[in-house]
Amino acid sequence: EFEIPFVLGMSSGSILSTAGVKVEGEGLVDKGLTDIGSGAMY
């Protein structure tokens, strides 16, 4: 568990994690697995 402080506001963003690692947090929407071009799924 960790906390990311935002000194300035942010309109939107994405978090990528290794397939199998679940990220939970308020306001996060799971968009599924994606191959970002390296052959590994995130």
PDB file of all heavy atoms in Angstrom:
ATOM      1  N   GLU A   1       0.847  -1.190   0.000  1.00  0.00           N
ATOM      2  CA  GLU A   1       0.000   0.000   0.000  1.00  0.00           C
ATOM      3  C   GLU A   1       0.881   1.237   0.000  1.00  0.00           C
ATOM      4  O   GLU A   1       1.936   1.253   0.634  1.00  0.00           O
ATOM      5  CB  GLU A   1      -0.898   0.021   1.246  1.00  0.00           C
ATOM      6  CG  GLU A   1      -1.926  -1.076   1.264  1.00  0.00           C
ATOM      7  CD  GLU A   1      -2.861  -0.997   2.470  1.00  0.00           C
ATOM      8  OE1 GLU A   1      -2.942   0.077   3.095  1.00  0.00           O
ATOM      9  OE2 GLU A   1      -3.499  -2.017   2.770  1.00  0.00           O
ATOM     10  N   PHE A   2       0.468   2.236  -0.758  1.00  0.00           N
ATOM     11  CA  PHE A   2       1.175   3.506  -0.734  1.00  0.00           C
ATOM     12  C   PHE A   2       0.229   4.615  -1.156  1.00  0.00           C
ATOM     13  O   PHE A   2      -0.868   4.366  -1.641  1.00  0.00           O
ATOM     14  CB  PHE A   2       2.448   3.483  -1.596  1.00  0.00           C
ATOM     15  CG  PHE A   2       2.235   3.094  -3.017  1.00  0.00           C
ATOM     16  CD1 PHE A   2       2.076   4.044  -3.999  1.00  0.00           C
ATOM     17  CD2 PHE A   2       2.222   1.762  -3.390  1.00  0.00           C
ATOM     18  CE1 PHE A   2       1.902   3.692  -5.310  1.00  0.00           C
ATOM     19  CE2 PHE A   2       2.048   1.395  -4.700  1.00  0.00           C
ATOM     20  CZ  PHE A   2       1.888   2.361  -5.670  1.00  0.00           C
ATOM     21  N   GLU A   3       0.669   5.850  -0.953  1.00  0.00           N
ATOM     22  CA  GLU A   3      -0.157   7.027  -1.211  1.00  0.00           C
ATOM     23  C   GLU A   3       0.636   7.992  -2.089  1.00  0.00           C
ATOM     24  O   GLU A   3       1.804   8.254  -1.841  1.00  0.00           O
ATOM     25  CB  GLU A   3      -0.502   7.680   0.131  1.00  0.00           C
ATOM     26  CG  GLU A   3      -1.520   8.766   0.037  1.00  0.00           C
ATOM     27  CD  GLU A   3      -1.967   9.226   1.422  1.00  0.00           C
ATOM     28  OE1 GLU A   3      -1.882   8.442   2.387  1.00  0.00           O
ATOM     29  OE2 GLU A   3      -2.393  10.375   1.514  1.00  0.00           O
ATOM     30  N   ILE A   4      -0.029   8.502  -3.132  1.00  0.00           N
ATOM     31  CA  ILE A   4       0.612   9.455  -4.041  1.00  0.00           C
ATOM     32  C   ILE A   4      -0.021  10.824  -3.808  1.00  0.00           C
ATOM     33  O   ILE A   4      -1.204  11.016  -4.079  1.00  0.00           O
ATOM     34  CB  ILE A   4       0.408   9.050  -5.518  1.00  0.00           C
ATOM     35  CG1 ILE A   4       0.931   7.645  -5.765  1.00  0.00           C
ATOM     36  CG2 ILE A   4       1.078  10.055  -6.442  1.00  0.00           C
ATOM     37  CD1 ILE A   4       0.568   7.100  -7.127  1.00  0.00           C
ATOM     38  N   PRO A   5       0.751  11.802  -3.305  1.00  0.00           N
ATOM     39  CA  PRO A   5       0.191  13.149  -3.106  1.00  0.00           C
ATOM     40  C   PRO A   5       0.178  13.919  -4.437  1.00  0.00           C
ATOM     41  O   PRO A   5       1.075  13.778  -5.251  1.00  0.00           O
ATOM     42  CB  PRO A   5       1.162  13.783  -2.111  1.00  0.00           C
ATOM     43  CG  PRO A   5       2.456  13.065  -2.331  1.00  0.00           C
ATOM     44  CD  PRO A   5       2.107  11.674  -2.772  1.00  0.00           C
ATOM     45  N   PHE A   6      -0.857  14.727  -4.641  1.00  0.00           N
ATOM     46  CA  PHE A   6      -0.974  15.560  -5.833  1.00  0.00           C
ATOM     47  C   PHE A   6      -0.986  17.020  -5.390  1.00  0.00           C
ATOM     48  O   PHE A   6      -1.993  17.512  -4.899  1.00  0.00           O
ATOM     49  CB  PHE A   6      -2.246  15.236  -6.612  1.00  0.00           C
ATOM     50  CG  PHE A   6      -2.197  13.914  -7.306  1.00  0.00           C
ATOM     51  CD1 PHE A   6      -2.616  12.755  -6.663  1.00  0.00           C
ATOM     52  CD2 PHE A   6      -1.718  13.813  -8.590  1.00  0.00           C
ATOM     53  CE1 PHE A   6      -2.564  11.535  -7.291  1.00  0.00           C
ATOM     54  CE2 PHE A   6      -1.661  12.599  -9.234  1.00  0.00           C
ATOM     55  CZ  PHE A   6      -2.082  11.453  -8.584  1.00  0.00           C
ATOM     56  N   VAL A   7       0.128  17.697  -5.582  1.00  0.00           N
ATOM     57  CA  VAL A   7       0.218  19.111  -5.234  1.00  0.00           C
ATOM     58  C   VAL A   7      -0.652  19.915  -6.195  1.00  0.00           C
ATOM     59  O   VAL A   7      -1.341  20.842  -5.803  1.00  0.00           O
ATOM     60  CB  VAL A   7       1.688  19.593  -5.298  1.00  0.00           C
ATOM     61  CG1 VAL A   7       1.775  21.077  -5.029  1.00  0.00           C
ATOM     62  CG2 VAL A   7       2.527  18.822  -4.307  1.00  0.00           C
ATOM     63  N   LEU A   8      -0.637  19.515  -7.461  1.00  0.00           N
ATOM     64  CA  LEU A   8      -1.458  20.161  -8.482  1.00  0.00           C
ATOM     65  C   LEU A   8      -2.540  19.195  -8.938  1.00  0.00           C
ATOM     66  O   LEU A   8      -2.367  17.983  -8.842  1.00  0.00           O
ATOM     67  CB  LEU A   8      -0.587  20.557  -9.676  1.00  0.00           C
ATOM     68  CG  LEU A   8       0.590  21.470  -9.357  1.00  0.00           C
ATOM     69  CD1 LEU A   8       1.485  21.625 -10.565  1.00  0.00           C
ATOM     70  CD2 LEU A   8       0.088  22.822  -8.903  1.00  0.00           C
ATOM     71  N   GLY A   9      -3.622  19.710  -9.459  1.00  0.00           N
ATOM     72  CA  GLY A   9      -4.697  18.862  -9.945  1.00  0.00           C
ATOM     73  C   GLY A   9      -4.312  18.144 -11.225  1.00  0.00           C
ATOM     74  O   GLY A   9      -3.331  18.481 -11.886  1.00  0.00           O
ATOM     75  N   MET A  10      -5.087  17.126 -11.575  1.00  0.00           N
ATOM     76  CA  MET A  10      -4.808  16.326 -12.765  1.00  0.00           C
ATOM     77  C   MET A  10      -6.137  15.948 -13.388  1.00  0.00           C
ATOM     78  O   MET A  10      -7.045  15.492 -12.708  1.00  0.00           O
ATOM     79  CB  MET A  10      -4.024  15.080 -12.343  1.00  0.00           C
ATOM     80  CG  MET A  10      -3.574  14.222 -13.449  1.00  0.00           C
ATOM     81  SD  MET A  10      -2.432  13.024 -12.727  1.00  0.00           S
ATOM     82  CE  MET A  10      -2.223  11.956 -14.101  1.00  0.00           C
ATOM     83  N   SER A  11      -6.263  16.132 -14.706  1.00  0.00           N
ATOM     84  CA  SER A  11      -7.539  15.865 -15.350  1.00  0.00           C
ATOM     85  C   SER A  11      -7.792  14.375 -15.567  1.00  0.00           C
ATOM     86  O   SER A  11      -8.929  13.935 -15.486  1.00  0.00           O
ATOM     87  CB  SER A  11      -7.625  16.602 -16.691  1.00  0.00           C
ATOM     88  OG  SER A  11      -6.597  16.157 -17.558  1.00  0.00           O
ATOM     89  N   SER A  12      -6.774  13.581 -15.855  1.00  0.00           N
ATOM     90  CA  SER A  12      -6.937  12.141 -16.023  1.00  0.00           C
ATOM     91  C   SER A  12      -5.575  11.472 -16.033  1.00  0.00           C
ATOM     92  O   SER A  12      -4.547  12.135 -16.170  1.00  0.00           O
ATOM     93  CB  SER A  12      -7.680  11.829 -17.327  1.00  0.00           C
ATOM     94  OG  SER A  12      -6.889  12.208 -18.440  1.00  0.00           O
ATOM     95  N   GLY A  13      -5.579  10.144 -15.905  1.00  0.00           N
ATOM     96  CA  GLY A  13      -4.321   9.412 -15.929  1.00  0.00           C
ATOM     97  C   GLY A  13      -4.552   7.924 -16.012  1.00  0.00           C
ATOM     98  O   GLY A  13      -5.683   7.439 -15.942  1.00  0.00           O
ATOM     99  N   SER A  14      -3.457   7.189 -16.180  1.00  0.00           N
ATOM    100  CA  SER A  14      -3.499   5.730 -16.265  1.00  0.00           C
ATOM    101  C   SER A  14      -2.413   5.146 -15.378  1.00  0.00           C
ATOM    102  O   SER A  14      -1.354   5.739 -15.215  1.00  0.00           O
ATOM    103  CB  SER A  14      -3.253   5.260 -17.704  1.00  0.00           C
ATOM    104  OG  SER A  14      -4.239   5.749 -18.559  1.00  0.00           O
ATOM    105  N   ILE A  15      -2.697   3.980 -14.843  1.00  0.00           N
ATOM    106  CA  ILE A  15      -1.713   3.219 -14.079  1.00  0.00           C
ATOM    107  C   ILE A  15      -1.593   1.870 -14.758  1.00  0.00           C
ATOM    108  O   ILE A  15      -2.602   1.229 -15.064  1.00  0.00           O
ATOM    109  CB  ILE A  15      -2.157   3.057 -12.611  1.00  0.00           C
ATOM    110  CG1 ILE A  15      -2.222   4.425 -11.939  1.00  0.00           C
ATOM    111  CG2 ILE A  15      -1.220   2.114 -11.867  1.00  0.00           C
ATOM    112  CD1 ILE A  15      -2.759   4.391 -10.524  1.00  0.00           C
ATOM    113  N   LEU A  16      -0.368   1.422 -15.006  1.00  0.00           N
ATOM    114  CA  LEU A  16      -0.121   0.128 -15.627  1.00  0.00           C
ATOM    115  C   LEU A  16       0.531  -0.783 -14.602  1.00  0.00           C
ATOM    116  O   LEU A  16       1.441  -0.359 -13.890  1.00  0.00           O
ATOM    117  CB  LEU A  16       0.813   0.274 -16.834  1.00  0.00           C
ATOM    118  CG  LEU A  16       0.187   0.789 -18.124  1.00  0.00           C
ATOM    119  CD1 LEU A  16      -0.132   2.253 -18.026  1.00  0.00           C
ATOM    120  CD2 LEU A  16       1.101   0.523 -19.282  1.00  0.00           C
ATOM    121  N   SER A  17       0.066  -2.022 -14.541  1.00  0.00           N
ATOM    122  CA  SER A  17       0.692  -2.994 -13.653  1.00  0.00           C
ATOM    123  C   SER A  17       0.892  -4.291 -14.426  1.00  0.00           C
ATOM    124  O   SER A  17       0.217  -4.557 -15.427  1.00  0.00           O
ATOM    125  CB  SER A  17      -0.154  -3.237 -12.407  1.00  0.00           C
ATOM    126  OG  SER A  17      -1.343  -3.929 -12.738  1.00  0.00           O
ATOM    127  N   THR A  18       1.813  -5.106 -13.955  1.00  0.00           N
ATOM    128  CA  THR A  18       2.052  -6.393 -14.562  1.00  0.00           C
ATOM    129  C   THR A  18       0.773  -7.217 -14.492  1.00  0.00           C
ATOM    130  O   THR A  18       0.044  -7.169 -13.504  1.00  0.00           O
ATOM    131  CB  THR A  18       3.177  -7.125 -13.801  1.00  0.00           C
ATOM    132  OG1 THR A  18       4.314  -6.283 -13.767  1.00  0.00           O
ATOM    133  CG2 THR A  18       3.524  -8.427 -14.444  1.00  0.00           C
ATOM    134  N   ALA A  19       0.488  -7.997 -15.553  1.00  0.00           N
ATOM    135  CA  ALA A  19      -0.697  -8.855 -15.561  1.00  0.00           C
ATOM    136  C   ALA A  19      -0.671  -9.738 -14.328  1.00  0.00           C
ATOM    137  O   ALA A  19       0.355 -10.318 -13.982  1.00  0.00           O
ATOM    138  CB  ALA A  19      -0.726  -9.694 -16.827  1.00  0.00           C
ATOM    139  N   GLY A  20      -1.788  -9.813 -13.629  1.00  0.00           N
ATOM    140  CA  GLY A  20      -1.890 -10.616 -12.425  1.00  0.00           C
ATOM    141  C   GLY A  20      -1.798  -9.789 -11.152  1.00  0.00           C
ATOM    142  O   GLY A  20      -2.216 -10.227 -10.092  1.00  0.00           O
ATOM    143  N   VAL A  21      -1.234  -8.597 -11.244  1.00  0.00           N
ATOM    144  CA  VAL A  21      -1.130  -7.716 -10.086  1.00  0.00           C
ATOM    145  C   VAL A  21      -2.315  -6.750 -10.150  1.00  0.00           C
ATOM    146  O   VAL A  21      -2.466  -6.006 -11.110  1.00  0.00           O
ATOM    147  CB  VAL A  21       0.200  -6.938 -10.061  1.00  0.00           C
ATOM    148  CG1 VAL A  21       0.214  -5.950  -8.902  1.00  0.00           C
ATOM    149  CG2 VAL A  21       1.370  -7.896  -9.973  1.00  0.00           C
ATOM    150  N   LYS A  22      -3.144  -6.793  -9.136  1.00  0.00           N
ATOM    151  CA  LYS A  22      -4.343  -5.950  -9.096  1.00  0.00           C
ATOM    152  C   LYS A  22      -4.038  -4.663  -8.336  1.00  0.00           C
ATOM    153  O   LYS A  22      -3.429  -4.689  -7.273  1.00  0.00           O
ATOM    154  CB  LYS A  22      -5.487  -6.698  -8.426  1.00  0.00           C
ATOM    155  CG  LYS A  22      -6.795  -5.941  -8.439  1.00  0.00           C
ATOM    156  CD  LYS A  22      -7.922  -6.763  -7.878  1.00  0.00           C
ATOM    157  CE  LYS A  22      -9.211  -5.956  -7.954  1.00  0.00           C
ATOM    158  NZ  LYS A  22     -10.350  -6.707  -7.480  1.00  0.00           N
ATOM    159  N   VAL A  23      -4.479  -3.529  -8.890  1.00  0.00           N
ATOM    160  CA  VAL A  23      -4.310  -2.230  -8.238  1.00  0.00           C
ATOM    161  C   VAL A  23      -5.699  -1.752  -7.827  1.00  0.00           C
ATOM    162  O   VAL A  23      -6.618  -1.707  -8.636  1.00  0.00           O
ATOM    163  CB  VAL A  23      -3.656  -1.198  -9.188  1.00  0.00           C
ATOM    164  CG1 VAL A  23      -3.501   0.148  -8.498  1.00  0.00           C
ATOM    165  CG2 VAL A  23      -2.316  -1.709  -9.693  1.00  0.00           C
ATOM    166  N   GLU A  24      -5.847  -1.413  -6.569  1.00  0.00           N
ATOM    167  CA  GLU A  24      -7.123  -0.925  -6.054  1.00  0.00           C
ATOM    168  C   GLU A  24      -6.941   0.486  -5.521  1.00  0.00           C
ATOM    169  O   GLU A  24      -5.921   0.800  -4.921  1.00  0.00           O
ATOM    170  CB  GLU A  24      -7.624  -1.828  -4.918  1.00  0.00           C
ATOM    171  CG  GLU A  24      -7.907  -3.249  -5.337  1.00  0.00           C
ATOM    172  CD  GLU A  24      -8.229  -4.158  -4.158  1.00  0.00           C
ATOM    173  OE1 GLU A  24      -8.085  -3.714  -2.996  1.00  0.00           O
ATOM    174  OE2 GLU A  24      -8.610  -5.300  -4.406  1.00  0.00           O
ATOM    175  N   GLY A  25      -7.936   1.321  -5.777  1.00  0.00           N
ATOM    176  CA  GLY A  25      -7.906   2.690  -5.290  1.00  0.00           C
ATOM    177  C   GLY A  25      -9.185   3.393  -5.689  1.00  0.00           C
ATOM    178  O   GLY A  25      -9.844   3.017  -6.665  1.00  0.00           O
ATOM    179  N   GLU A  26      -9.527   4.427  -4.962  1.00  0.00           N
ATOM    180  CA  GLU A  26     -10.755   5.162  -5.235  1.00  0.00           C
ATOM    181  C   GLU A  26     -10.694   5.811  -6.611  1.00  0.00           C
ATOM    182  O   GLU A  26      -9.724   6.479  -6.965  1.00  0.00           O
ATOM    183  CB  GLU A  26     -10.957   6.241  -4.166  1.00  0.00           C
ATOM    184  CG  GLU A  26     -12.283   6.948  -4.299  1.00  0.00           C
ATOM    185  CD  GLU A  26     -12.516   7.971  -3.187  1.00  0.00           C
ATOM    186  OE1 GLU A  26     -12.004   7.755  -2.073  1.00  0.00           O
ATOM    187  OE2 GLU A  26     -13.189   8.960  -3.461  1.00  0.00           O
ATOM    188  N   GLY A  27     -11.726   5.590  -7.413  1.00  0.00           N
ATOM    189  CA  GLY A  27     -11.814   6.206  -8.729  1.00  0.00           C
ATOM    190  C   GLY A  27     -11.094   5.453  -9.838  1.00  0.00           C
ATOM    191  O   GLY A  27     -11.129   5.884 -10.983  1.00  0.00           O
ATOM    192  N   LEU A  28     -10.445   4.340  -9.543  1.00  0.00           N
ATOM    193  CA  LEU A  28      -9.750   3.567 -10.579  1.00  0.00           C
ATOM    194  C   LEU A  28     -10.753   2.720 -11.350  1.00  0.00           C
ATOM    195  O   LEU A  28     -11.619   2.083 -10.770  1.00  0.00           O
ATOM    196  CB  LEU A  28      -8.687   2.655  -9.982  1.00  0.00           C
ATOM    197  CG  LEU A  28      -7.422   3.305  -9.451  1.00  0.00           C
ATOM    198  CD1 LEU A  28      -6.460   2.239  -8.931  1.00  0.00           C
ATOM    199  CD2 LEU A  28      -6.736   4.132 -10.517  1.00  0.00           C
ATOM    200  N   VAL A  29     -10.614   2.700 -12.683  1.00  0.00           N
ATOM    201  CA  VAL A  29     -11.470   1.881 -13.538  1.00  0.00           C
ATOM    202  C   VAL A  29     -10.573   0.901 -14.276  1.00  0.00           C
ATOM    203  O   VAL A  29      -9.640   1.299 -14.976  1.00  0.00           O
ATOM    204  CB  VAL A  29     -12.245   2.756 -14.548  1.00  0.00           C
ATOM    205  CG1 VAL A  29     -13.065   1.893 -15.482  1.00  0.00           C
ATOM    206  CG2 VAL A  29     -13.122   3.759 -13.823  1.00  0.00           C
ATOM    207  N   ASP A  30     -10.845  -0.395 -14.131  1.00  0.00           N
ATOM    208  CA  ASP A  30     -10.064  -1.449 -14.772  1.00  0.00           C
ATOM    209  C   ASP A  30     -10.403  -1.476 -16.257  1.00  0.00           C
ATOM    210  O   ASP A  30     -11.536  -1.696 -16.645  1.00  0.00           O
ATOM    211  CB  ASP A  30     -10.386  -2.796 -14.117  1.00  0.00           C
ATOM    212  CG  ASP A  30      -9.503  -3.918 -14.625  1.00  0.00           C
ATOM    213  OD1 ASP A  30      -8.821  -3.749 -15.661  1.00  0.00           O
ATOM    214  OD2 ASP A  30      -9.498  -4.989 -13.982  1.00  0.00           O
ATOM    215  N   LYS A  31      -9.413  -1.224 -17.110  1.00  0.00           N
ATOM    216  CA  LYS A  31      -9.612  -1.208 -18.556  1.00  0.00           C
ATOM    217  C   LYS A  31      -9.110  -2.486 -19.228  1.00  0.00           C
ATOM    218  O   LYS A  31      -9.071  -2.569 -20.435  1.00  0.00           O
ATOM    219  CB  LYS A  31      -8.916   0.013 -19.175  1.00  0.00           C
ATOM    220  CG  LYS A  31      -9.544   1.325 -18.780  1.00  0.00           C
ATOM    221  CD  LYS A  31     -10.954   1.380 -19.309  1.00  0.00           C
ATOM    222  CE  LYS A  31     -11.567   2.743 -19.092  1.00  0.00           C
ATOM    223  NZ  LYS A  31     -12.864   2.866 -19.705  1.00  0.00           N
ATOM    224  N   GLY A  32      -8.702  -3.483 -18.428  1.00  0.00           N
ATOM    225  CA  GLY A  32      -8.313  -4.770 -18.982  1.00  0.00           C
ATOM    226  C   GLY A  32      -6.838  -4.846 -19.344  1.00  0.00           C
ATOM    227  O   GLY A  32      -6.072  -3.909 -19.153  1.00  0.00           O
ATOM    228  N   LEU A  33      -6.476  -6.014 -19.890  1.00  0.00           N
ATOM    229  CA  LEU A  33      -5.090  -6.259 -20.292  1.00  0.00           C
ATOM    230  C   LEU A  33      -4.789  -5.594 -21.627  1.00  0.00           C
ATOM    231  O   LEU A  33      -5.625  -5.576 -22.528  1.00  0.00           O
ATOM    232  CB  LEU A  33      -4.834  -7.761 -20.411  1.00  0.00           C
ATOM    233  CG  LEU A  33      -4.716  -8.525 -19.097  1.00  0.00           C
ATOM    234  CD1 LEU A  33      -4.646 -10.023 -19.373  1.00  0.00           C
ATOM    235  CD2 LEU A  33      -3.500  -8.082 -18.318  1.00  0.00           C
ATOM    236  N   THR A  34      -3.576  -5.073 -21.755  1.00  0.00           N
ATOM    237  CA  THR A  34      -3.151  -4.420 -22.986  1.00  0.00           C
ATOM    238  C   THR A  34      -1.703  -4.773 -23.269  1.00  0.00           C
ATOM    239  O   THR A  34      -0.877  -4.793 -22.370  1.00  0.00           O
ATOM    240  CB  THR A  34      -3.268  -2.882 -22.854  1.00  0.00           C
ATOM    241  OG1 THR A  34      -4.617  -2.559 -22.561  1.00  0.00           O
ATOM    242  CG2 THR A  34      -2.854  -2.194 -24.131  1.00  0.00           C
ATOM    243  N   ASP A  35      -1.412  -5.044 -24.531  1.00  0.00           N
ATOM    244  CA  ASP A  35      -0.028  -5.243 -24.972  1.00  0.00           C
ATOM    245  C   ASP A  35       0.467  -3.871 -25.414  1.00  0.00           C
ATOM    246  O   ASP A  35      -0.049  -3.290 -26.360  1.00  0.00           O
ATOM    247  CB  ASP A  35       0.029  -6.233 -26.129  1.00  0.00           C
ATOM    248  CG  ASP A  35       1.442  -6.489 -26.631  1.00  0.00           C
ATOM    249  OD1 ASP A  35       2.378  -5.797 -26.177  1.00  0.00           O
ATOM    250  OD2 ASP A  35       1.612  -7.382 -27.472  1.00  0.00           O
ATOM    251  N   ILE A  36       1.452  -3.328 -24.722  1.00  0.00           N
ATOM    252  CA  ILE A  36       1.923  -1.981 -25.053  1.00  0.00           C
ATOM    253  C   ILE A  36       3.056  -2.002 -26.078  1.00  0.00           C
ATOM    254  O   ILE A  36       3.774  -1.036 -26.242  1.00  0.00           O
ATOM    255  CB  ILE A  36       2.352  -1.205 -23.786  1.00  0.00           C
ATOM    256  CG1 ILE A  36       3.503  -1.890 -23.077  1.00  0.00           C
ATOM    257  CG2 ILE A  36       1.179  -0.978 -22.876  1.00  0.00           C
ATOM    258  CD1 ILE A  36       4.110  -1.053 -21.963  1.00  0.00           C
ATOM    259  N   GLY A  37       3.186  -3.111 -26.781  1.00  0.00           N
ATOM    260  CA  GLY A  37       4.152  -3.162 -27.873  1.00  0.00           C
ATOM    261  C   GLY A  37       5.425  -3.916 -27.551  1.00  0.00           C
ATOM    262  O   GLY A  37       6.197  -4.228 -28.428  1.00  0.00           O
ATOM    263  N   SER A  38       5.658  -4.270 -26.310  1.00  0.00           N
ATOM    264  CA  SER A  38       6.880  -4.976 -25.950  1.00  0.00           C
ATOM    265  C   SER A  38       6.673  -6.480 -25.934  1.00  0.00           C
ATOM    266  O   SER A  38       7.613  -7.228 -25.721  1.00  0.00           O
ATOM    267  CB  SER A  38       7.363  -4.508 -24.570  1.00  0.00           C
ATOM    268  OG  SER A  38       6.406  -4.889 -23.585  1.00  0.00           O
ATOM    269  N   GLY A  39       5.461  -6.931 -26.144  1.00  0.00           N
ATOM    270  CA  GLY A  39       5.158  -8.349 -26.092  1.00  0.00           C
ATOM    271  C   GLY A  39       4.641  -8.786 -24.743  1.00  0.00           C
ATOM    272  O   GLY A  39       4.092  -9.866 -24.603  1.00  0.00           O
ATOM    273  N   ALA A  40       4.813  -7.997 -23.722  1.00  0.00           N
ATOM    274  CA  ALA A  40       4.314  -8.319 -22.382  1.00  0.00           C
ATOM    275  C   ALA A  40       2.959  -7.644 -22.178  1.00  0.00           C
ATOM    276  O   ALA A  40       2.701  -6.568 -22.701  1.00  0.00           O
ATOM    277  CB  ALA A  40       5.302  -7.848 -21.325  1.00  0.00           C
ATOM    278  N   MET A  41       2.120  -8.302 -21.411  1.00  0.00           N
ATOM    279  CA  MET A  41       0.782  -7.778 -21.163  1.00  0.00           C
ATOM    280  C   MET A  41       0.769  -7.001 -19.849  1.00  0.00           C
ATOM    281  O   MET A  41       1.389  -7.411 -18.863  1.00  0.00           O
ATOM    282  CB  MET A  41      -0.229  -8.926 -21.085  1.00  0.00           C
ATOM    283  CG  MET A  41      -0.305  -9.753 -22.355  1.00  0.00           C
ATOM    284  SD  MET A  41      -0.828  -8.812 -23.795  1.00  0.00           S
ATOM    285  CE  MET A  41      -2.551  -8.601 -23.435  1.00  0.00           C
ATOM    286  N   TYR A  42       0.043  -5.880 -19.849  1.00  0.00           N
ATOM    287  CA  TYR A  42      -0.081  -5.037 -18.671  1.00  0.00           C
ATOM    288  C   TYR A  42      -1.543  -4.771 -18.392  1.00  0.00           C
ATOM    289  O   TYR A  42      -2.341  -4.577 -19.310  1.00  0.00           O
ATOM    290  CB  TYR A  42       0.649  -3.702 -18.871  1.00  0.00           C
ATOM    291  CG  TYR A  42       2.131  -3.876 -19.025  1.00  0.00           C
ATOM    292  CD1 TYR A  42       2.708  -3.996 -20.283  1.00  0.00           C
ATOM    293  CD2 TYR A  42       2.951  -3.941 -17.913  1.00  0.00           C
ATOM    294  CE1 TYR A  42       4.063  -4.179 -20.427  1.00  0.00           C
ATOM    295  CE2 TYR A  42       4.307  -4.121 -18.047  1.00  0.00           C
ATOM    296  CZ  TYR A  42       4.859  -4.242 -19.310  1.00  0.00           C
ATOM    297  OH  TYR A  42       6.212  -4.424 -19.435  1.00  0.00           O
TER     298      TYR A  42
END
